Protein backbone atom coordinates (compact mmCIF):
# COMPACT_ATOMS: atom_id res chain seq x y z
CA MET A 1 -5.25 -10.03 14.17
CA VAL A 2 -6.94 -12.28 11.61
CA ASN A 3 -4.68 -13.11 8.65
CA THR A 4 -6.76 -13.76 5.50
CA PHE A 5 -3.78 -14.64 3.28
CA GLY A 6 -2.92 -18.14 4.46
CA LYS A 7 0.76 -17.24 4.71
CA PRO A 8 2.86 -15.20 7.14
CA ILE A 9 2.53 -11.43 6.80
CA ILE A 10 4.68 -10.36 9.75
CA PRO A 11 8.35 -10.04 8.75
CA SER A 12 11.01 -11.18 11.18
CA ASN A 13 12.18 -7.57 11.60
CA ASP A 14 8.70 -6.21 12.31
CA SER A 15 9.56 -4.68 15.70
CA ASP A 16 12.42 -2.71 14.15
CA ARG A 17 10.26 -1.87 11.11
CA LEU A 18 7.51 -0.49 13.35
CA GLN A 19 10.01 1.52 15.38
CA ASN A 20 11.35 2.99 12.13
CA LEU A 21 7.80 3.79 10.96
CA GLU A 22 7.03 5.53 14.26
CA SER A 23 10.14 7.70 13.90
CA TYR A 24 8.43 9.49 11.00
CA ASN A 25 5.59 10.74 13.28
CA ILE A 26 3.14 10.37 10.40
CA LEU A 27 0.52 7.94 11.73
CA ASP A 28 -2.87 9.46 12.54
CA THR A 29 -1.88 12.90 11.25
CA ASP A 30 -4.16 15.16 9.25
CA ALA A 31 -4.39 14.95 5.48
CA GLU A 32 -1.68 16.87 3.64
CA ASN A 33 -1.92 18.26 0.12
CA VAL A 34 1.44 16.84 -0.95
CA PHE A 35 0.39 13.24 -0.27
CA ASP A 36 -3.14 13.77 -1.58
CA ASN A 37 -1.72 15.24 -4.78
CA ILE A 38 0.68 12.33 -5.25
CA ALA A 39 -2.17 9.84 -4.80
CA GLU A 40 -4.35 11.76 -7.26
CA ILE A 41 -1.54 11.85 -9.83
CA ALA A 42 -1.08 8.09 -9.43
CA ARG A 43 -4.82 7.51 -9.79
CA LYS A 44 -5.00 9.50 -13.00
CA TYR A 45 -1.68 8.33 -14.46
CA PHE A 46 -2.57 4.65 -14.10
CA ASP A 47 -6.27 5.28 -14.89
CA VAL A 48 -7.56 3.47 -11.80
CA PRO A 49 -10.42 4.39 -9.48
CA ILE A 50 -8.33 4.12 -6.27
CA ALA A 51 -4.83 5.23 -5.25
CA LEU A 52 -3.47 5.22 -1.72
CA VAL A 53 -0.45 6.19 0.33
CA ALA A 54 -0.63 3.47 2.97
CA LEU A 55 1.40 2.88 6.12
CA VAL A 56 1.51 -0.61 7.61
CA ASP A 57 1.19 -0.32 11.39
CA ARG A 58 1.14 -3.11 13.99
CA GLU A 59 -2.44 -4.27 13.39
CA ARG A 60 -3.77 -1.92 10.74
CA VAL A 61 -2.95 -0.26 7.47
CA TRP A 62 -3.57 3.46 7.77
CA PHE A 63 -4.05 5.71 4.76
CA LYS A 64 -2.13 8.98 4.72
CA ALA A 65 -3.69 9.72 1.33
CA ASN A 66 -6.76 8.13 -0.13
CA LYS A 67 -8.22 8.90 -3.54
CA GLY A 68 -11.24 6.83 -4.41
CA MET A 69 -12.18 5.45 -0.97
CA GLU A 70 -12.12 8.69 1.00
CA SER A 71 -14.47 7.45 3.72
CA THR A 72 -12.01 4.68 4.65
CA ARG A 73 -9.10 5.74 6.88
CA GLN A 74 -7.70 2.30 7.72
CA VAL A 75 -8.19 -1.44 7.31
CA SER A 76 -6.99 -4.44 9.26
CA ARG A 77 -3.42 -5.47 8.49
CA GLY A 78 -4.65 -9.04 8.04
CA VAL A 79 -6.95 -7.95 5.22
CA SER A 80 -5.02 -5.20 3.39
CA LEU A 81 -2.96 -6.31 0.42
CA CYS A 82 -0.42 -3.65 1.46
CA SER A 83 0.58 -6.12 4.19
CA LEU A 84 1.86 -8.39 1.44
CA ALA A 85 3.48 -5.56 -0.52
CA VAL A 86 5.77 -4.52 2.35
CA LEU A 87 7.25 -8.02 2.40
CA ASP A 88 9.07 -7.40 -0.90
CA ASP A 89 11.38 -4.63 -2.05
CA ASN A 90 9.85 -4.72 -5.54
CA PRO A 91 6.29 -3.80 -6.46
CA THR A 92 3.68 -6.42 -5.63
CA VAL A 93 1.17 -6.86 -8.43
CA PHE A 94 -1.99 -8.95 -8.65
CA GLU A 95 -3.36 -8.47 -12.17
CA ASN A 96 -6.40 -10.64 -11.40
CA ALA A 97 -6.94 -11.21 -7.70
CA LEU A 98 -9.37 -14.06 -8.33
CA GLU A 99 -6.48 -16.09 -9.78
CA GLU A 100 -4.28 -15.67 -6.69
CA PRO A 101 -4.61 -18.55 -4.18
CA CYS A 102 -3.47 -16.38 -1.25
CA LEU A 103 -6.32 -13.92 -1.93
CA LEU A 104 -9.24 -16.34 -2.21
CA ALA A 105 -10.17 -15.95 1.48
CA ASN A 106 -9.69 -12.18 1.45
CA PRO A 107 -12.96 -10.28 1.98
CA LEU A 108 -11.80 -7.35 -0.20
CA VAL A 109 -11.52 -9.80 -3.10
CA THR A 110 -14.39 -12.19 -2.43
CA GLY A 111 -16.76 -9.75 -0.75
CA LYS A 112 -18.86 -6.80 -1.85
CA PHE A 113 -15.86 -4.53 -2.51
CA GLY A 114 -14.81 -6.73 -5.43
CA LEU A 115 -11.08 -5.95 -5.66
CA ARG A 116 -9.63 -7.48 -8.82
CA PHE A 117 -6.38 -5.56 -9.44
CA TYR A 118 -3.75 -4.38 -6.97
CA ALA A 119 -0.28 -2.94 -7.45
CA GLY A 120 1.75 -1.63 -4.51
CA ALA A 121 5.30 -0.30 -4.42
CA PRO A 122 6.92 -0.26 -0.98
CA LEU A 123 7.91 2.90 0.86
CA ARG A 124 11.47 1.89 1.68
CA THR A 125 13.32 3.95 4.28
CA PRO A 126 17.06 4.72 4.06
CA GLU A 127 17.51 2.22 6.90
CA GLY A 128 16.07 -0.53 4.68
CA PHE A 129 12.57 -0.93 6.16
CA ASN A 130 9.39 -1.13 4.09
CA ILE A 131 6.98 0.97 6.14
CA GLY A 132 4.11 1.22 3.69
CA THR A 133 3.15 1.45 0.05
CA VAL A 134 1.91 3.59 -2.73
CA CYS A 135 -0.78 1.38 -4.20
CA ILE A 136 -3.39 1.45 -6.90
CA VAL A 137 -6.57 -0.62 -6.97
CA ASP A 138 -9.23 -1.47 -9.52
CA LYS A 139 -12.36 -3.57 -9.51
CA SER A 140 -11.46 -4.95 -12.94
CA PRO A 141 -8.47 -7.14 -13.79
CA ARG A 142 -5.77 -5.42 -15.82
CA ASP A 143 -2.34 -5.96 -17.26
CA PHE A 144 0.52 -4.11 -15.59
CA SER A 145 3.78 -3.81 -17.53
CA GLN A 146 7.32 -3.72 -16.23
CA GLU A 147 7.47 -0.04 -17.19
CA GLN A 148 4.35 0.66 -15.13
CA ARG A 149 5.88 -1.19 -12.18
CA GLU A 150 8.95 1.02 -12.46
CA ASP A 151 6.77 4.15 -12.64
CA LEU A 152 4.87 3.09 -9.52
CA LYS A 153 8.19 2.55 -7.75
CA ARG A 154 9.28 6.06 -8.78
CA ILE A 155 6.10 7.47 -7.26
CA SER A 156 6.76 5.57 -4.02
CA ASN A 157 10.29 7.01 -4.04
CA ILE A 158 8.82 10.53 -4.25
CA VAL A 159 6.59 9.82 -1.24
CA MET A 160 9.59 8.51 0.67
CA ASP A 161 11.59 11.63 -0.26
CA VAL A 162 8.80 13.80 1.18
CA LEU A 163 8.66 11.71 4.37
CA ILE A 164 12.42 12.00 4.83
CA GLU A 165 12.29 15.76 4.24
CA LYS A 166 9.47 16.16 6.79
CA LYS A 167 11.36 14.02 9.32
CA ASN A 168 14.52 16.14 9.09
């Protein structure tokens, strides 16, 4: 896997994290209204063109819900900013991607797609693993307040609640 970030994106507990992700039996499943609705609410609430429920697999980031890039089902883990977001328990925010040194070789930022803003809150399991994110994306830079970060985290908590419910 090519890593475009110039820093490690594989956490030391990745094998355990992946095993925990697999226990949810969610990868490569059909779209579900509950996740699509959550992504659409996030898209509208934050007034962004793209909102995703993303799961970080071994070599890819797979989208359980995708509002704004519906034709894209997955991207390489070494390219997706969600790979960075699962490294932290708090939301990861890039208000202007062009000002972030770790993103200057990323094709989503420097290429035709033109990503400028990203905010992703981790999907944290009860066992303490970050298996994915709820993220929002824009092609324009934007400010993102502490209150908005907390709201995005609340939305990721709702997604995690649904995943736990479906698992049990």
